Amino acid sequence: MEGILELFKEYLANEPRNVSSYLNDCMDLLHGFAQEKGIEFDGYFQERWEDSANTIIDFDEDYFENRDRKNLYVFLSALYDDEVFEYLKSAYEIAKLEAPTKEWVKLQVDLLIAKGVRF
């Protein structure tokens, strides 16, 4: 856990006045962490990644780099996995932002889904 927290601190030190960029960096790191844990929703992430890798012509980089889709994956992972949730809370706490609650994370999921974000 210490390695991820150190990276969060480094991200904030690199851009102390740009909280949005800091949170995006943290979400990217948490996305990778959840992926390494094997967390999937509706075939996202590993199954779709493997499918795209097997069909190079149809490889859709935009699909995997979509910020809203990445955030949805991290938020759902945080609801599913306590370790991801604790890291998410730490990312906010390091930036001296109000730490998210499970209810807030669920609201973010609902907002992204209402916006039309899908896997």
PDB file of N, CA and C in Angstrom:
ATOM      1  N   MET A   1       0.839  -1.205   0.000  1.00  0.00           N
ATOM      2  CA  MET A   1       0.000   0.000   0.000  1.00  0.00           C
ATOM      3  C   MET A   1       0.871   1.252   0.000  1.00  0.00           C
ATOM      4  N   GLU A   2       1.991   1.168   0.655  1.00  0.00           N
ATOM      5  CA  GLU A   2       2.849   2.346   0.785  1.00  0.00           C
ATOM      6  C   GLU A   2       3.317   2.870  -0.575  1.00  0.00           C
ATOM      7  N   GLY A   3       3.584   1.971  -1.531  1.00  0.00           N
ATOM      8  CA  GLY A   3       4.050   2.393  -2.849  1.00  0.00           C
ATOM      9  C   GLY A   3       3.039   3.257  -3.583  1.00  0.00           C
ATOM     10  N   ILE A   4       1.784   2.873  -3.516  1.00  0.00           N
ATOM     11  CA  ILE A   4       0.735   3.643  -4.184  1.00  0.00           C
ATOM     12  C   ILE A   4       0.561   4.996  -3.498  1.00  0.00           C
ATOM     13  N   LEU A   5       0.594   5.014  -2.188  1.00  0.00           N
ATOM     14  CA  LEU A   5       0.444   6.283  -1.474  1.00  0.00           C
ATOM     15  C   LEU A   5       1.592   7.229  -1.786  1.00  0.00           C
ATOM     16  N   GLU A   6       2.786   6.694  -1.929  1.00  0.00           N
ATOM     17  CA  GLU A   6       3.943   7.525  -2.292  1.00  0.00           C
ATOM     18  C   GLU A   6       3.761   8.114  -3.692  1.00  0.00           C
ATOM     19  N   LEU A   7       3.219   7.323  -4.607  1.00  0.00           N
ATOM     20  CA  LEU A   7       2.949   7.844  -5.954  1.00  0.00           C
ATOM     21  C   LEU A   7       1.892   8.944  -5.905  1.00  0.00           C
ATOM     22  N   PHE A   8       0.858   8.769  -5.091  1.00  0.00           N
ATOM     23  CA  PHE A   8      -0.148   9.821  -4.935  1.00  0.00           C
ATOM     24  C   PHE A   8       0.514  11.119  -4.477  1.00  0.00           C
ATOM     25  N   LYS A   9       1.393  11.012  -3.503  1.00  0.00           N
ATOM     26  CA  LYS A   9       2.084  12.205  -2.984  1.00  0.00           C
ATOM     27  C   LYS A   9       2.953  12.837  -4.055  1.00  0.00           C
ATOM     28  N   GLU A  10       3.605  12.009  -4.849  1.00  0.00           N
ATOM     29  CA  GLU A  10       4.446  12.521  -5.944  1.00  0.00           C
ATOM     30  C   GLU A  10       3.584  13.233  -6.987  1.00  0.00           C
ATOM     31  N   TYR A  11       2.445  12.653  -7.319  1.00  0.00           N
ATOM     32  CA  TYR A  11       1.537  13.292  -8.277  1.00  0.00           C
ATOM     33  C   TYR A  11       1.135  14.686  -7.793  1.00  0.00           C
ATOM     34  N   LEU A  12       0.805  14.784  -6.514  1.00  0.00           N
ATOM     35  CA  LEU A  12       0.381  16.072  -5.964  1.00  0.00           C
ATOM     36  C   LEU A  12       1.545  17.062  -5.959  1.00  0.00           C
ATOM     37  N   ALA A  13       2.737  16.593  -5.630  1.00  0.00           N
ATOM     38  CA  ALA A  13       3.916  17.468  -5.609  1.00  0.00           C
ATOM     39  C   ALA A  13       4.229  17.986  -7.010  1.00  0.00           C
ATOM     40  N   ASN A  14       3.967  17.177  -8.030  1.00  0.00           N
ATOM     41  CA  ASN A  14       4.248  17.586  -9.410  1.00  0.00           C
ATOM     42  C   ASN A  14       3.299  18.670  -9.904  1.00  0.00           C
ATOM     43  N   GLU A  15       2.066  18.653  -9.436  1.00  0.00           N
ATOM     44  CA  GLU A  15       1.078  19.642  -9.867  1.00  0.00           C
ATOM     45  C   GLU A  15       0.216  20.060  -8.682  1.00  0.00           C
ATOM     46  N   PRO A  16       0.798  20.751  -7.712  1.00  0.00           N
ATOM     47  CA  PRO A  16       0.053  21.066  -6.486  1.00  0.00           C
ATOM     48  C   PRO A  16      -1.158  21.967  -6.693  1.00  0.00           C
ATOM     49  N   ARG A  17      -1.193  22.704  -7.770  1.00  0.00           N
ATOM     50  CA  ARG A  17      -2.323  23.630  -7.994  1.00  0.00           C
ATOM     51  C   ARG A  17      -3.369  23.083  -8.962  1.00  0.00           C
ATOM     52  N   ASN A  18      -3.104  21.902  -9.500  1.00  0.00           N
ATOM     53  CA  ASN A  18      -4.033  21.334 -10.471  1.00  0.00           C
ATOM     54  C   ASN A  18      -4.634  20.044  -9.905  1.00  0.00           C
ATOM     55  N   VAL A  19      -5.638  20.197  -9.066  1.00  0.00           N
ATOM     56  CA  VAL A  19      -6.251  19.056  -8.388  1.00  0.00           C
ATOM     57  C   VAL A  19      -6.900  18.107  -9.384  1.00  0.00           C
ATOM     58  N   SER A  20      -7.472  18.647 -10.439  1.00  0.00           N
ATOM     59  CA  SER A  20      -8.108  17.809 -11.447  1.00  0.00           C
ATOM     60  C   SER A  20      -7.094  16.862 -12.091  1.00  0.00           C
ATOM     61  N   SER A  21      -5.952  17.391 -12.466  1.00  0.00           N
ATOM     62  CA  SER A  21      -4.904  16.561 -13.058  1.00  0.00           C
ATOM     63  C   SER A  21      -4.398  15.528 -12.054  1.00  0.00           C
ATOM     64  N   TYR A  22      -4.230  15.949 -10.809  1.00  0.00           N
ATOM     65  CA  TYR A  22      -3.804  15.039  -9.746  1.00  0.00           C
ATOM     66  C   TYR A  22      -4.794  13.877  -9.610  1.00  0.00           C
ATOM     67  N   LEU A  23      -6.085  14.187  -9.547  1.00  0.00           N
ATOM     68  CA  LEU A  23      -7.090  13.135  -9.385  1.00  0.00           C
ATOM     69  C   LEU A  23      -7.135  12.219 -10.605  1.00  0.00           C
ATOM     70  N   ASN A  24      -6.950  12.778 -11.805  1.00  0.00           N
ATOM     71  CA  ASN A  24      -6.900  11.934 -13.005  1.00  0.00           C
ATOM     72  C   ASN A  24      -5.727  10.963 -12.926  1.00  0.00           C
ATOM     73  N   ASP A  25      -4.567  11.451 -12.487  1.00  0.00           N
ATOM     74  CA  ASP A  25      -3.401  10.575 -12.339  1.00  0.00           C
ATOM     75  C   ASP A  25      -3.679   9.469 -11.324  1.00  0.00           C
ATOM     76  N   CYS A  26      -4.311   9.834 -10.213  1.00  0.00           N
ATOM     77  CA  CYS A  26      -4.652   8.849  -9.186  1.00  0.00           C
ATOM     78  C   CYS A  26      -5.638   7.820  -9.725  1.00  0.00           C
ATOM     79  N   MET A  27      -6.638   8.289 -10.463  1.00  0.00           N
ATOM     80  CA  MET A  27      -7.627   7.376 -11.029  1.00  0.00           C
ATOM     81  C   MET A  27      -6.970   6.427 -12.031  1.00  0.00           C
ATOM     82  N   ASP A  28      -6.021   6.940 -12.812  1.00  0.00           N
ATOM     83  CA  ASP A  28      -5.300   6.074 -13.754  1.00  0.00           C
ATOM     84  C   ASP A  28      -4.535   4.986 -13.006  1.00  0.00           C
ATOM     85  N   LEU A  29      -3.881   5.370 -11.929  1.00  0.00           N
ATOM     86  CA  LEU A  29      -3.135   4.399 -11.133  1.00  0.00           C
ATOM     87  C   LEU A  29      -4.089   3.378 -10.507  1.00  0.00           C
ATOM     88  N   LEU A  30      -5.203   3.835  -9.982  1.00  0.00           N
ATOM     89  CA  LEU A  30      -6.175   2.917  -9.385  1.00  0.00           C
ATOM     90  C   LEU A  30      -6.813   2.018 -10.440  1.00  0.00           C
ATOM     91  N   HIS A  31      -6.968   2.529 -11.637  1.00  0.00           N
ATOM     92  CA  HIS A  31      -7.476   1.726 -12.743  1.00  0.00           C
ATOM     93  C   HIS A  31      -6.542   0.537 -12.977  1.00  0.00           C
ATOM     94  N   GLY A  32      -5.253   0.822 -13.052  1.00  0.00           N
ATOM     95  CA  GLY A  32      -4.271  -0.241 -13.247  1.00  0.00           C
ATOM     96  C   GLY A  32      -4.237  -1.216 -12.081  1.00  0.00           C
ATOM     97  N   PHE A  33      -4.366  -0.689 -10.872  1.00  0.00           N
ATOM     98  CA  PHE A  33      -4.368  -1.525  -9.675  1.00  0.00           C
ATOM     99  C   PHE A  33      -5.560  -2.482  -9.690  1.00  0.00           C
ATOM    100  N   ALA A  34      -6.743  -1.963  -9.986  1.00  0.00           N
ATOM    101  CA  ALA A  34      -7.947  -2.796 -10.034  1.00  0.00           C
ATOM    102  C   ALA A  34      -7.838  -3.836 -11.149  1.00  0.00           C
ATOM    103  N   GLN A  35      -7.255  -3.427 -12.250  1.00  0.00           N
ATOM    104  CA  GLN A  35      -7.057  -4.358 -13.365  1.00  0.00           C
ATOM    105  C   GLN A  35      -6.126  -5.490 -12.946  1.00  0.00           C
ATOM    106  N   GLU A  36      -5.037  -5.160 -12.256  1.00  0.00           N
ATOM    107  CA  GLU A  36      -4.104  -6.182 -11.789  1.00  0.00           C
ATOM    108  C   GLU A  36      -4.772  -7.140 -10.805  1.00  0.00           C
ATOM    109  N   LYS A  37      -5.744  -6.650 -10.065  1.00  0.00           N
ATOM    110  CA  LYS A  37      -6.475  -7.504  -9.128  1.00  0.00           C
ATOM    111  C   LYS A  37      -7.470  -8.409  -9.855  1.00  0.00           C
ATOM    112  N   GLY A  38      -7.666  -8.160 -11.138  1.00  0.00           N
ATOM    113  CA  GLY A  38      -8.571  -8.983 -11.926  1.00  0.00           C
ATOM    114  C   GLY A  38     -10.029  -8.590 -11.819  1.00  0.00           C
ATOM    115  N   ILE A  39     -10.291  -7.374 -11.390  1.00  0.00           N
ATOM    116  CA  ILE A  39     -11.673  -6.908 -11.266  1.00  0.00           C
ATOM    117  C   ILE A  39     -12.215  -6.593 -12.658  1.00  0.00           C
ATOM    118  N   GLU A  40     -13.376  -7.174 -12.987  1.00  0.00           N
ATOM    119  CA  GLU A  40     -14.011  -6.948 -14.289  1.00  0.00           C
ATOM    120  C   GLU A  40     -15.499  -6.698 -14.113  1.00  0.00           C
ATOM    121  N   PHE A  41     -16.031  -5.888 -15.013  1.00  0.00           N
ATOM    122  CA  PHE A  41     -17.461  -5.615 -15.072  1.00  0.00           C
ATOM    123  C   PHE A  41     -17.891  -5.712 -16.526  1.00  0.00           C
ATOM    124  N   ASP A  42     -18.844  -6.559 -16.812  1.00  0.00           N
ATOM    125  CA  ASP A  42     -19.360  -6.742 -18.174  1.00  0.00           C
ATOM    126  C   ASP A  42     -18.239  -6.957 -19.187  1.00  0.00           C
ATOM    127  N   GLY A  43     -17.231  -7.723 -18.810  1.00  0.00           N
ATOM    128  CA  GLY A  43     -16.130  -8.006 -19.718  1.00  0.00           C
ATOM    129  C   GLY A  43     -15.080  -6.926 -19.797  1.00  0.00           C
ATOM    130  N   TYR A  44     -15.305  -5.806 -19.131  1.00  0.00           N
ATOM    131  CA  TYR A  44     -14.323  -4.738 -19.092  1.00  0.00           C
ATOM    132  C   TYR A  44     -13.491  -4.995 -17.844  1.00  0.00           C
ATOM    133  N   PHE A  45     -12.303  -5.168 -17.952  1.00  0.00           N
ATOM    134  CA  PHE A  45     -11.267  -4.627 -18.779  1.00  0.00           C
ATOM    135  C   PHE A  45     -10.533  -5.739 -19.541  1.00  0.00           C
ATOM    136  N   GLN A  46     -10.138  -6.793 -18.858  1.00  0.00           N
ATOM    137  CA  GLN A  46      -9.245  -7.804 -19.428  1.00  0.00           C
ATOM    138  C   GLN A  46      -9.834  -8.477 -20.660  1.00  0.00           C
ATOM    139  N   GLU A  47     -11.095  -8.886 -20.586  1.00  0.00           N
ATOM    140  CA  GLU A  47     -11.714  -9.581 -21.706  1.00  0.00           C
ATOM    141  C   GLU A  47     -11.737  -8.711 -22.958  1.00  0.00           C
ATOM    142  N   ARG A  48     -12.124  -7.453 -22.817  1.00  0.00           N
ATOM    143  CA  ARG A  48     -12.168  -6.555 -23.976  1.00  0.00           C
ATOM    144  C   ARG A  48     -10.769  -6.253 -24.490  1.00  0.00           C
ATOM    145  N   TRP A  49      -9.807  -6.122 -23.552  1.00  0.00           N
ATOM    146  CA  TRP A  49      -8.422  -5.853 -23.942  1.00  0.00           C
ATOM    147  C   TRP A  49      -7.888  -7.010 -24.778  1.00  0.00           C
ATOM    148  N   GLU A  50      -8.131  -8.230 -24.334  1.00  0.00           N
ATOM    149  CA  GLU A  50      -7.669  -9.407 -25.071  1.00  0.00           C
ATOM    150  C   GLU A  50      -8.359  -9.502 -26.426  1.00  0.00           C
ATOM    151  N   ASP A  51      -9.655  -9.226 -26.468  1.00  0.00           N
ATOM    152  CA  ASP A  51     -10.384  -9.243 -27.739  1.00  0.00           C
ATOM    153  C   ASP A  51      -9.794  -8.230 -28.707  1.00  0.00           C
ATOM    154  N   SER A  52      -9.491  -7.019 -28.229  1.00  0.00           N
ATOM    155  CA  SER A  52      -8.924  -5.986 -29.087  1.00  0.00           C
ATOM    156  C   SER A  52      -7.526  -6.362 -29.548  1.00  0.00           C
ATOM    157  N   ALA A  53      -6.756  -6.967 -28.670  1.00  0.00           N
ATOM    158  CA  ALA A  53      -5.393  -7.366 -29.032  1.00  0.00           C
ATOM    159  C   ALA A  53      -5.406  -8.452 -30.101  1.00  0.00           C
ATOM    160  N   ASN A  54      -6.419  -9.287 -30.087  1.00  0.00           N
ATOM    161  CA  ASN A  54      -6.518 -10.362 -31.070  1.00  0.00           C
ATOM    162  C   ASN A  54      -7.040  -9.888 -32.415  1.00  0.00           C
ATOM    163  N   THR A  55      -7.622  -8.706 -32.460  1.00  0.00           N
ATOM    164  CA  THR A  55      -8.126  -8.143 -33.717  1.00  0.00           C
ATOM    165  C   THR A  55      -7.517  -6.760 -33.892  1.00  0.00           C
ATOM    166  N   ILE A  56      -6.276  -6.744 -34.314  1.00  0.00           N
ATOM    167  CA  ILE A  56      -5.497  -5.512 -34.385  1.00  0.00           C
ATOM    168  C   ILE A  56      -6.196  -4.435 -35.221  1.00  0.00           C
ATOM    169  N   ILE A  57      -6.865  -4.824 -36.267  1.00  0.00           N
ATOM    170  CA  ILE A  57      -7.516  -3.839 -37.130  1.00  0.00           C
ATOM    171  C   ILE A  57      -8.583  -3.070 -36.364  1.00  0.00           C
ATOM    172  N   ASP A  58      -9.272  -3.740 -35.444  1.00  0.00           N
ATOM    173  CA  ASP A  58     -10.354  -3.105 -34.700  1.00  0.00           C
ATOM    174  C   ASP A  58      -9.919  -2.562 -33.345  1.00  0.00           C
ATOM    175  N   PHE A  59      -8.620  -2.561 -33.063  1.00  0.00           N
ATOM    176  CA  PHE A  59      -8.155  -2.103 -31.759  1.00  0.00           C
ATOM    177  C   PHE A  59      -8.611  -0.671 -31.534  1.00  0.00           C
ATOM    178  N   ASP A  60      -9.366  -0.476 -30.475  1.00  0.00           N
ATOM    179  CA  ASP A  60      -9.978   0.816 -30.206  1.00  0.00           C
ATOM    180  C   ASP A  60      -9.337   1.451 -28.975  1.00  0.00           C
ATOM    181  N   GLU A  61      -8.242   2.174 -29.194  1.00  0.00           N
ATOM    182  CA  GLU A  61      -7.529   2.806 -28.089  1.00  0.00           C
ATOM    183  C   GLU A  61      -8.408   3.808 -27.354  1.00  0.00           C
ATOM    184  N   ASP A  62      -9.253   4.525 -28.089  1.00  0.00           N
ATOM    185  CA  ASP A  62     -10.140   5.506 -27.461  1.00  0.00           C
ATOM    186  C   ASP A  62     -11.068   4.845 -26.441  1.00  0.00           C
ATOM    187  N   TYR A  63     -11.490   3.640 -26.722  1.00  0.00           N
ATOM    188  CA  TYR A  63     -12.361   2.912 -25.802  1.00  0.00           C
ATOM    189  C   TYR A  63     -11.694   2.765 -24.440  1.00  0.00           C
ATOM    190  N   PHE A  64     -10.410   2.402 -24.440  1.00  0.00           N
ATOM    191  CA  PHE A  64      -9.701   2.143 -23.197  1.00  0.00           C
ATOM    192  C   PHE A  64      -9.189   3.418 -22.534  1.00  0.00           C
ATOM    193  N   GLU A  65      -9.098   4.496 -23.286  1.00  0.00           N
ATOM    194  CA  GLU A  65      -8.586   5.748 -22.728  1.00  0.00           C
ATOM    195  C   GLU A  65      -9.691   6.722 -22.338  1.00  0.00           C
ATOM    196  N   ASN A  66     -10.933   6.350 -22.546  1.00  0.00           N
ATOM    197  CA  ASN A  66     -12.059   7.220 -22.215  1.00  0.00           C
ATOM    198  C   ASN A  66     -12.080   7.500 -20.711  1.00  0.00           C
ATOM    199  N   ARG A  67     -11.962   8.770 -20.340  1.00  0.00           N
ATOM    200  CA  ARG A  67     -11.857   9.171 -18.928  1.00  0.00           C
ATOM    201  C   ARG A  67     -13.087   8.736 -18.122  1.00  0.00           C
ATOM    202  N   ASP A  68     -14.270   8.961 -18.654  1.00  0.00           N
ATOM    203  CA  ASP A  68     -15.481   8.590 -17.914  1.00  0.00           C
ATOM    204  C   ASP A  68     -15.552   7.082 -17.695  1.00  0.00           C
ATOM    205  N   ARG A  69     -15.191   6.302 -18.722  1.00  0.00           N
ATOM    206  CA  ARG A  69     -15.228   4.846 -18.595  1.00  0.00           C
ATOM    207  C   ARG A  69     -14.209   4.380 -17.556  1.00  0.00           C
ATOM    208  N   LYS A  70     -13.018   4.992 -17.570  1.00  0.00           N
ATOM    209  CA  LYS A  70     -12.001   4.655 -16.567  1.00  0.00           C
ATOM    210  C   LYS A  70     -12.501   4.982 -15.161  1.00  0.00           C
ATOM    211  N   ASN A  71     -13.101   6.148 -15.007  1.00  0.00           N
ATOM    212  CA  ASN A  71     -13.614   6.550 -13.700  1.00  0.00           C
ATOM    213  C   ASN A  71     -14.728   5.610 -13.233  1.00  0.00           C
ATOM    214  N   LEU A  72     -15.616   5.241 -14.150  1.00  0.00           N
ATOM    215  CA  LEU A  72     -16.681   4.311 -13.796  1.00  0.00           C
ATOM    216  C   LEU A  72     -16.091   2.998 -13.299  1.00  0.00           C
ATOM    217  N   TYR A  73     -15.075   2.515 -13.988  1.00  0.00           N
ATOM    218  CA  TYR A  73     -14.416   1.267 -13.588  1.00  0.00           C
ATOM    219  C   TYR A  73     -13.802   1.394 -12.192  1.00  0.00           C
ATOM    220  N   VAL A  74     -13.124   2.503 -11.931  1.00  0.00           N
ATOM    221  CA  VAL A  74     -12.500   2.694 -10.615  1.00  0.00           C
ATOM    222  C   VAL A  74     -13.572   2.819  -9.529  1.00  0.00           C
ATOM    223  N   PHE A  75     -14.605   3.609  -9.783  1.00  0.00           N
ATOM    224  CA  PHE A  75     -15.655   3.773  -8.773  1.00  0.00           C
ATOM    225  C   PHE A  75     -16.364   2.446  -8.485  1.00  0.00           C
ATOM    226  N   LEU A  76     -16.693   1.693  -9.527  1.00  0.00           N
ATOM    227  CA  LEU A  76     -17.321   0.387  -9.309  1.00  0.00           C
ATOM    228  C   LEU A  76     -16.372  -0.552  -8.568  1.00  0.00           C
ATOM    229  N   SER A  77     -15.092  -0.498  -8.918  1.00  0.00           N
ATOM    230  CA  SER A  77     -14.097  -1.327  -8.237  1.00  0.00           C
ATOM    231  C   SER A  77     -14.008  -0.959  -6.768  1.00  0.00           C
ATOM    232  N   ALA A  78     -14.128   0.338  -6.466  1.00  0.00           N
ATOM    233  CA  ALA A  78     -14.079   0.797  -5.075  1.00  0.00           C
ATOM    234  C   ALA A  78     -15.286   0.293  -4.292  1.00  0.00           C
ATOM    235  N   LEU A  79     -16.435   0.176  -4.954  1.00  0.00           N
ATOM    236  CA  LEU A  79     -17.613  -0.370  -4.282  1.00  0.00           C
ATOM    237  C   LEU A  79     -17.493  -1.876  -4.081  1.00  0.00           C
ATOM    238  N   TYR A  80     -16.778  -2.515  -4.969  1.00  0.00           N
ATOM    239  CA  TYR A  80     -16.623  -3.967  -4.957  1.00  0.00           C
ATOM    240  C   TYR A  80     -15.478  -4.435  -4.057  1.00  0.00           C
ATOM    241  N   ASP A  81     -14.411  -3.643  -3.967  1.00  0.00           N
ATOM    242  CA  ASP A  81     -13.172  -4.067  -3.309  1.00  0.00           C
ATOM    243  C   ASP A  81     -12.744  -3.016  -2.276  1.00  0.00           C
ATOM    244  N   ASP A  82     -12.655  -3.413  -1.030  1.00  0.00           N
ATOM    245  CA  ASP A  82     -12.319  -2.478   0.044  1.00  0.00           C
ATOM    246  C   ASP A  82     -10.930  -1.869  -0.115  1.00  0.00           C
ATOM    247  N   GLU A  83      -9.992  -2.607  -0.659  1.00  0.00           N
ATOM    248  CA  GLU A  83      -8.638  -2.073  -0.829  1.00  0.00           C
ATOM    249  C   GLU A  83      -8.624  -0.930  -1.850  1.00  0.00           C
ATOM    250  N   VAL A  84      -9.336  -1.094  -2.940  1.00  0.00           N
ATOM    251  CA  VAL A  84      -9.444  -0.018  -3.930  1.00  0.00           C
ATOM    252  C   VAL A  84     -10.129   1.193  -3.299  1.00  0.00           C
ATOM    253  N   PHE A  85     -11.177   0.952  -2.520  1.00  0.00           N
ATOM    254  CA  PHE A  85     -11.879   2.047  -1.857  1.00  0.00           C
ATOM    255  C   PHE A  85     -10.954   2.806  -0.903  1.00  0.00           C
ATOM    256  N   GLU A  86     -10.154   2.095  -0.138  1.00  0.00           N
ATOM    257  CA  GLU A  86      -9.232   2.750   0.797  1.00  0.00           C
ATOM    258  C   GLU A  86      -8.199   3.595   0.059  1.00  0.00           C
ATOM    259  N   TYR A  87      -7.706   3.101  -1.066  1.00  0.00           N
ATOM    260  CA  TYR A  87      -6.773   3.896  -1.875  1.00  0.00           C
ATOM    261  C   TYR A  87      -7.456   5.142  -2.425  1.00  0.00           C
ATOM    262  N   LEU A  88      -8.695   4.995  -2.878  1.00  0.00           N
ATOM    263  CA  LEU A  88      -9.438   6.141  -3.394  1.00  0.00           C
ATOM    264  C   LEU A  88      -9.589   7.196  -2.305  1.00  0.00           C
ATOM    265  N   LYS A  89      -9.964   6.771  -1.115  1.00  0.00           N
ATOM    266  CA  LYS A  89     -10.070   7.702   0.011  1.00  0.00           C
ATOM    267  C   LYS A  89      -8.731   8.384   0.276  1.00  0.00           C
ATOM    268  N   SER A  90      -7.665   7.627   0.260  1.00  0.00           N
ATOM    269  CA  SER A  90      -6.332   8.187   0.515  1.00  0.00           C
ATOM    270  C   SER A  90      -5.954   9.231  -0.519  1.00  0.00           C
ATOM    271  N   ALA A  91      -6.307   8.994  -1.775  1.00  0.00           N
ATOM    272  CA  ALA A  91      -5.987   9.960  -2.837  1.00  0.00           C
ATOM    273  C   ALA A  91      -6.612  11.314  -2.517  1.00  0.00           C
ATOM    274  N   TYR A  92      -7.844  11.309  -2.052  1.00  0.00           N
ATOM    275  CA  TYR A  92      -8.531  12.554  -1.693  1.00  0.00           C
ATOM    276  C   TYR A  92      -7.934  13.166  -0.432  1.00  0.00           C
ATOM    277  N   GLU A  93      -7.644  12.332   0.541  1.00  0.00           N
ATOM    278  CA  GLU A  93      -7.091  12.832   1.802  1.00  0.00           C
ATOM    279  C   GLU A  93      -5.714  13.471   1.604  1.00  0.00           C
ATOM    280  N   ILE A  94      -4.884  12.881   0.754  1.00  0.00           N
ATOM    281  CA  ILE A  94      -3.552  13.427   0.488  1.00  0.00           C
ATOM    282  C   ILE A  94      -3.657  14.832  -0.084  1.00  0.00           C
ATOM    283  N   ALA A  95      -4.668  15.056  -0.916  1.00  0.00           N
ATOM    284  CA  ALA A  95      -4.878  16.388  -1.511  1.00  0.00           C
ATOM    285  C   ALA A  95      -5.678  17.301  -0.594  1.00  0.00           C
ATOM    286  N   LYS A  96      -5.950  16.838   0.619  1.00  0.00           N
ATOM    287  CA  LYS A  96      -6.727  17.590   1.606  1.00  0.00           C
ATOM    288  C   LYS A  96      -8.140  17.907   1.092  1.00  0.00           C
ATOM    289  N   LEU A  97      -8.689  16.939   0.373  1.00  0.00           N
ATOM    290  CA  LEU A  97     -10.072  17.011  -0.093  1.00  0.00           C
ATOM    291  C   LEU A  97     -10.921  16.134   0.816  1.00  0.00           C
ATOM    292  N   GLU A  98     -12.207  16.400   0.842  1.00  0.00           N
ATOM    293  CA  GLU A  98     -13.093  15.568   1.655  1.00  0.00           C
ATOM    294  C   GLU A  98     -13.047  14.139   1.131  1.00  0.00           C
ATOM    295  N   ALA A  99     -12.774  13.208   2.024  1.00  0.00           N
ATOM    296  CA  ALA A  99     -12.663  11.801   1.636  1.00  0.00           C
ATOM    297  C   ALA A  99     -14.024  11.271   1.196  1.00  0.00           C
ATOM    298  N   PRO A 100     -14.041  10.534   0.100  1.00  0.00           N
ATOM    299  CA  PRO A 100     -15.315   9.992  -0.374  1.00  0.00           C
ATOM    300  C   PRO A 100     -15.858   8.906   0.549  1.00  0.00           C
ATOM    301  N   THR A 101     -17.168   8.824   0.584  1.00  0.00           N
ATOM    302  CA  THR A 101     -17.861   7.751   1.293  1.00  0.00           C
ATOM    303  C   THR A 101     -18.368   6.770   0.238  1.00  0.00           C
ATOM    304  N   LYS A 102     -18.794   5.611   0.682  1.00  0.00           N
ATOM    305  CA  LYS A 102     -19.375   4.633  -0.257  1.00  0.00           C
ATOM    306  C   LYS A 102     -20.608   5.230  -0.942  1.00  0.00           C
ATOM    307  N   GLU A 103     -21.376   6.019  -0.203  1.00  0.00           N
ATOM    308  CA  GLU A 103     -22.571   6.643  -0.788  1.00  0.00           C
ATOM    309  C   GLU A 103     -22.186   7.623  -1.887  1.00  0.00           C
ATOM    310  N   TRP A 104     -21.124   8.407  -1.667  1.00  0.00           N
ATOM    311  CA  TRP A 104     -20.654   9.353  -2.673  1.00  0.00           C
ATOM    312  C   TRP A 104     -20.153   8.616  -3.917  1.00  0.00           C
ATOM    313  N   VAL A 105     -19.423   7.525  -3.703  1.00  0.00           N
ATOM    314  CA  VAL A 105     -18.920   6.731  -4.825  1.00  0.00           C
ATOM    315  C   VAL A 105     -20.092   6.163  -5.620  1.00  0.00           C
ATOM    316  N   LYS A 106     -21.100   5.665  -4.924  1.00  0.00           N
ATOM    317  CA  LYS A 106     -22.294   5.134  -5.602  1.00  0.00           C
ATOM    318  C   LYS A 106     -22.981   6.235  -6.402  1.00  0.00           C
ATOM    319  N   LEU A 107     -23.036   7.442  -5.869  1.00  0.00           N
ATOM    320  CA  LEU A 107     -23.616   8.572  -6.592  1.00  0.00           C
ATOM    321  C   LEU A 107     -22.815   8.855  -7.868  1.00  0.00           C
ATOM    322  N   GLN A 108     -21.491   8.780  -7.793  1.00  0.00           N
ATOM    323  CA  GLN A 108     -20.657   9.008  -8.980  1.00  0.00           C
ATOM    324  C   GLN A 108     -20.939   7.950 -10.040  1.00  0.00           C
ATOM    325  N   VAL A 109     -21.098   6.706  -9.609  1.00  0.00           N
ATOM    326  CA  VAL A 109     -21.446   5.624 -10.529  1.00  0.00           C
ATOM    327  C   VAL A 109     -22.783   5.923 -11.194  1.00  0.00           C
ATOM    328  N   ASP A 110     -23.775   6.291 -10.393  1.00  0.00           N
ATOM    329  CA  ASP A 110     -25.110   6.590 -10.930  1.00  0.00           C
ATOM    330  C   ASP A 110     -25.067   7.755 -11.919  1.00  0.00           C
ATOM    331  N   LEU A 111     -24.280   8.784 -11.619  1.00  0.00           N
ATOM    332  CA  LEU A 111     -24.162   9.943 -12.518  1.00  0.00           C
ATOM    333  C   LEU A 111     -23.502   9.563 -13.832  1.00  0.00           C
ATOM    334  N   LEU A 112     -22.471   8.757 -13.778  1.00  0.00           N
ATOM    335  CA  LEU A 112     -21.799   8.326 -15.013  1.00  0.00           C
ATOM    336  C   LEU A 112     -22.713   7.452 -15.858  1.00  0.00           C
ATOM    337  N   ILE A 113     -23.441   6.568 -15.212  1.00  0.00           N
ATOM    338  CA  ILE A 113     -24.375   5.701 -15.949  1.00  0.00           C
ATOM    339  C   ILE A 113     -25.485   6.547 -16.566  1.00  0.00           C
ATOM    340  N   ALA A 114     -26.005   7.511 -15.810  1.00  0.00           N
ATOM    341  CA  ALA A 114     -27.061   8.404 -16.338  1.00  0.00           C
ATOM    342  C   ALA A 114     -26.536   9.218 -17.511  1.00  0.00           C
ATOM    343  N   LYS A 115     -25.255   9.508 -17.505  1.00  0.00           N
ATOM    344  CA  LYS A 115     -24.615  10.256 -18.590  1.00  0.00           C
ATOM    345  C   LYS A 115     -24.447   9.385 -19.849  1.00  0.00           C
ATOM    346  N   GLY A 116     -24.662   8.072 -19.689  1.00  0.00           N
ATOM    347  CA  GLY A 116     -24.568   7.162 -20.823  1.00  0.00           C
ATOM    348  C   GLY A 116     -23.256   6.391 -20.895  1.00  0.00           C
ATOM    349  N   VAL A 117     -22.454   6.455 -19.862  1.00  0.00           N
ATOM    350  CA  VAL A 117     -21.184   5.731 -19.862  1.00  0.00           C
ATOM    351  C   VAL A 117     -21.465   4.249 -19.671  1.00  0.00           C
ATOM    352  N   ARG A 118     -20.898   3.440 -20.548  1.00  0.00           N
ATOM    353  CA  ARG A 118     -21.081   1.978 -20.507  1.00  0.00           C
ATOM    354  C   ARG A 118     -19.747   1.306 -20.791  1.00  0.00           C
ATOM    355  N   PHE A 119     -19.679   0.042 -20.422  1.00  0.00           N
ATOM    356  CA  PHE A 119     -18.493  -0.747 -20.743  1.00  0.00           C
ATOM    357  C   PHE A 119     -18.690  -1.409 -22.080  1.00  0.00           C
TER     358      PHE A 119
END
